[in-house]
Amino acid sequence: MKIDKNIPIPERSLKQGSKYKFLHDLEIMDSFWVETTAQACQVQSYAHRTTNIKLTQRADGTGRRLWRVK
């Protein structure tokens, strides 16, 4: 193994594209459908943690529908 000295540590890169970046395109009362309650909870939790977007969810057929409410 070769040892290198005085190599600077690069800056951290921001994660390129979240799978939830579509949330920023939602307007109030826009909705989307997911297959499972677990998926709905994941999206809702992400929105709560990382944005000022508030979502509500309801059962819709065989899945869950989420609406942007704020």
N, C-alpha and C. Protein backbone atom coordinates (compact mmCIF):
# COMPACT_ATOMS: atom_id res chain seq x y z
N MET A 1 0.86 -1.17 0.00
CA MET A 1 0.00 0.00 0.00
C MET A 1 0.90 1.23 0.00
N LYS A 2 0.65 2.15 -0.90
CA LYS A 2 1.42 3.39 -0.98
C LYS A 2 0.75 4.44 -0.10
N ILE A 3 1.51 5.13 0.70
CA ILE A 3 0.99 6.18 1.58
C ILE A 3 1.21 7.53 0.91
N ASP A 4 0.15 8.32 0.80
CA ASP A 4 0.24 9.66 0.23
C ASP A 4 0.15 10.68 1.36
N LYS A 5 0.87 11.74 1.25
CA LYS A 5 0.86 12.79 2.27
C LYS A 5 0.43 14.11 1.63
N ASN A 6 -0.17 14.97 2.45
CA ASN A 6 -0.57 16.32 2.05
C ASN A 6 -1.57 16.35 0.89
N ILE A 7 -2.48 15.41 0.87
CA ILE A 7 -3.57 15.40 -0.11
C ILE A 7 -4.79 16.01 0.58
N PRO A 8 -5.30 17.15 0.11
CA PRO A 8 -6.44 17.78 0.78
C PRO A 8 -7.72 16.94 0.62
N ILE A 9 -8.55 17.01 1.63
CA ILE A 9 -9.84 16.31 1.59
C ILE A 9 -10.80 17.17 0.78
N PRO A 10 -11.42 16.62 -0.26
CA PRO A 10 -12.37 17.42 -1.04
C PRO A 10 -13.62 17.77 -0.24
N GLU A 11 -14.24 18.87 -0.61
CA GLU A 11 -15.50 19.25 0.03
C GLU A 11 -16.55 18.18 -0.21
N ARG A 12 -17.45 18.04 0.73
CA ARG A 12 -18.56 17.09 0.53
C ARG A 12 -19.47 17.60 -0.57
N SER A 13 -19.87 16.70 -1.42
CA SER A 13 -20.81 17.10 -2.47
C SER A 13 -22.22 16.89 -1.95
N LEU A 14 -23.11 17.75 -2.35
CA LEU A 14 -24.51 17.59 -1.97
C LEU A 14 -25.09 16.43 -2.74
N LYS A 15 -25.97 15.73 -2.11
CA LYS A 15 -26.62 14.59 -2.76
C LYS A 15 -27.32 15.08 -4.02
N GLN A 16 -27.02 14.47 -5.12
CA GLN A 16 -27.61 14.89 -6.39
C GLN A 16 -29.01 14.32 -6.55
N GLY A 17 -29.99 15.16 -6.36
CA GLY A 17 -31.37 14.77 -6.62
C GLY A 17 -31.95 13.79 -5.64
N SER A 18 -32.89 14.22 -4.90
CA SER A 18 -33.62 13.35 -4.00
C SER A 18 -34.74 12.67 -4.79
N LYS A 19 -35.12 11.50 -4.34
CA LYS A 19 -36.25 10.86 -5.02
C LYS A 19 -37.55 11.59 -4.72
N TYR A 20 -37.51 12.53 -3.75
CA TYR A 20 -38.70 13.29 -3.39
C TYR A 20 -38.64 14.73 -3.88
N LYS A 21 -37.76 15.04 -4.83
CA LYS A 21 -37.64 16.43 -5.29
C LYS A 21 -38.93 16.94 -5.94
N PHE A 22 -39.80 16.03 -6.36
CA PHE A 22 -41.08 16.44 -6.95
C PHE A 22 -41.95 17.19 -5.96
N LEU A 23 -41.69 17.03 -4.65
CA LEU A 23 -42.49 17.72 -3.65
C LEU A 23 -42.47 19.24 -3.84
N HIS A 24 -41.34 19.76 -4.33
CA HIS A 24 -41.22 21.21 -4.52
C HIS A 24 -42.07 21.71 -5.67
N ASP A 25 -42.52 20.80 -6.54
CA ASP A 25 -43.39 21.19 -7.66
C ASP A 25 -44.86 21.19 -7.27
N LEU A 26 -45.19 20.63 -6.12
CA LEU A 26 -46.59 20.55 -5.69
C LEU A 26 -47.10 21.92 -5.27
N GLU A 27 -48.29 22.23 -5.70
CA GLU A 27 -48.99 23.41 -5.21
C GLU A 27 -50.01 22.94 -4.18
N ILE A 28 -50.51 23.86 -3.38
CA ILE A 28 -51.47 23.50 -2.35
C ILE A 28 -52.69 22.83 -3.00
N MET A 29 -53.10 21.72 -2.44
CA MET A 29 -54.20 20.85 -2.86
C MET A 29 -53.85 19.96 -4.05
N ASP A 30 -52.60 19.97 -4.52
CA ASP A 30 -52.14 18.95 -5.47
C ASP A 30 -51.97 17.66 -4.70
N SER A 31 -52.15 16.52 -5.37
CA SER A 31 -52.04 15.23 -4.70
C SER A 31 -51.26 14.25 -5.56
N PHE A 32 -50.83 13.18 -4.91
CA PHE A 32 -50.18 12.07 -5.61
C PHE A 32 -50.49 10.79 -4.86
N TRP A 33 -50.35 9.67 -5.55
CA TRP A 33 -50.73 8.36 -5.03
C TRP A 33 -49.49 7.50 -4.83
N VAL A 34 -49.46 6.74 -3.74
CA VAL A 34 -48.40 5.75 -3.51
C VAL A 34 -49.07 4.42 -3.17
N GLU A 35 -48.31 3.34 -3.30
CA GLU A 35 -48.89 2.01 -3.14
C GLU A 35 -49.13 1.59 -1.69
N THR A 36 -48.25 2.00 -0.78
CA THR A 36 -48.35 1.48 0.58
C THR A 36 -48.39 2.59 1.62
N THR A 37 -48.87 2.25 2.79
CA THR A 37 -48.86 3.18 3.92
C THR A 37 -47.43 3.53 4.30
N ALA A 38 -46.55 2.55 4.22
CA ALA A 38 -45.14 2.79 4.55
C ALA A 38 -44.54 3.85 3.63
N GLN A 39 -44.82 3.76 2.33
CA GLN A 39 -44.31 4.76 1.39
C GLN A 39 -44.88 6.14 1.72
N ALA A 40 -46.17 6.19 2.03
CA ALA A 40 -46.81 7.47 2.35
C ALA A 40 -46.16 8.08 3.59
N CYS A 41 -45.90 7.27 4.59
CA CYS A 41 -45.27 7.77 5.82
C CYS A 41 -43.84 8.25 5.56
N GLN A 42 -43.12 7.56 4.68
CA GLN A 42 -41.76 7.97 4.36
C GLN A 42 -41.75 9.34 3.68
N VAL A 43 -42.63 9.53 2.71
CA VAL A 43 -42.69 10.81 1.99
C VAL A 43 -43.11 11.92 2.95
N GLN A 44 -44.13 11.64 3.76
CA GLN A 44 -44.63 12.65 4.68
C GLN A 44 -43.56 13.02 5.70
N SER A 45 -42.82 12.05 6.19
CA SER A 45 -41.75 12.30 7.15
C SER A 45 -40.63 13.12 6.51
N TYR A 46 -40.25 12.79 5.28
CA TYR A 46 -39.21 13.53 4.56
C TYR A 46 -39.64 14.99 4.39
N ALA A 47 -40.87 15.20 3.97
CA ALA A 47 -41.36 16.57 3.75
C ALA A 47 -41.34 17.35 5.06
N HIS A 48 -41.72 16.72 6.14
CA HIS A 48 -41.76 17.39 7.44
C HIS A 48 -40.34 17.75 7.91
N ARG A 49 -39.39 16.83 7.71
CA ARG A 49 -38.01 17.03 8.18
C ARG A 49 -37.23 18.05 7.37
N THR A 50 -37.45 18.10 6.07
CA THR A 50 -36.53 18.84 5.20
C THR A 50 -37.14 20.04 4.49
N THR A 51 -38.43 20.22 4.54
CA THR A 51 -39.05 21.34 3.83
C THR A 51 -40.10 22.00 4.72
N ASN A 52 -40.72 23.02 4.22
CA ASN A 52 -41.84 23.66 4.91
C ASN A 52 -43.16 23.16 4.33
N ILE A 53 -43.12 22.02 3.66
CA ILE A 53 -44.30 21.44 3.01
C ILE A 53 -45.02 20.52 3.99
N LYS A 54 -46.33 20.70 4.11
CA LYS A 54 -47.12 19.83 4.97
C LYS A 54 -48.03 18.99 4.09
N LEU A 55 -48.08 17.70 4.38
CA LEU A 55 -48.90 16.76 3.63
C LEU A 55 -49.90 16.08 4.55
N THR A 56 -51.02 15.69 3.97
CA THR A 56 -51.96 14.83 4.68
C THR A 56 -52.24 13.64 3.77
N GLN A 57 -52.62 12.51 4.37
CA GLN A 57 -52.83 11.30 3.57
C GLN A 57 -54.13 10.62 3.96
N ARG A 58 -54.71 9.94 2.96
CA ARG A 58 -55.93 9.16 3.16
C ARG A 58 -55.85 7.90 2.32
N ALA A 59 -56.57 6.88 2.73
CA ALA A 59 -56.67 5.65 1.94
C ALA A 59 -57.36 5.99 0.62
N ASP A 60 -56.88 5.37 -0.45
CA ASP A 60 -57.44 5.64 -1.78
C ASP A 60 -57.33 4.35 -2.59
N GLY A 61 -58.40 3.62 -2.67
CA GLY A 61 -58.37 2.35 -3.40
C GLY A 61 -57.43 1.37 -2.70
N THR A 62 -56.43 0.91 -3.43
CA THR A 62 -55.49 -0.07 -2.86
C THR A 62 -54.23 0.58 -2.32
N GLY A 63 -54.17 1.92 -2.30
CA GLY A 63 -52.98 2.61 -1.83
C GLY A 63 -53.32 3.79 -0.95
N ARG A 64 -52.46 4.79 -0.97
CA ARG A 64 -52.65 6.00 -0.19
C ARG A 64 -52.48 7.21 -1.09
N ARG A 65 -53.30 8.23 -0.87
CA ARG A 65 -53.16 9.47 -1.61
C ARG A 65 -52.72 10.54 -0.61
N LEU A 66 -51.73 11.35 -1.03
CA LEU A 66 -51.23 12.44 -0.20
C LEU A 66 -51.52 13.76 -0.88
N TRP A 67 -51.95 14.74 -0.09
CA TRP A 67 -52.23 16.09 -0.58
C TRP A 67 -51.31 17.08 0.11
N ARG A 68 -50.87 18.08 -0.64
CA ARG A 68 -50.13 19.17 -0.02
C ARG A 68 -51.14 20.12 0.57
N VAL A 69 -51.02 20.41 1.87
CA VAL A 69 -51.98 21.30 2.52
C VAL A 69 -51.34 22.61 2.98
N LYS A 70 -50.01 22.70 2.97
CA LYS A 70 -49.33 23.95 3.30
C LYS A 70 -48.01 24.00 2.57
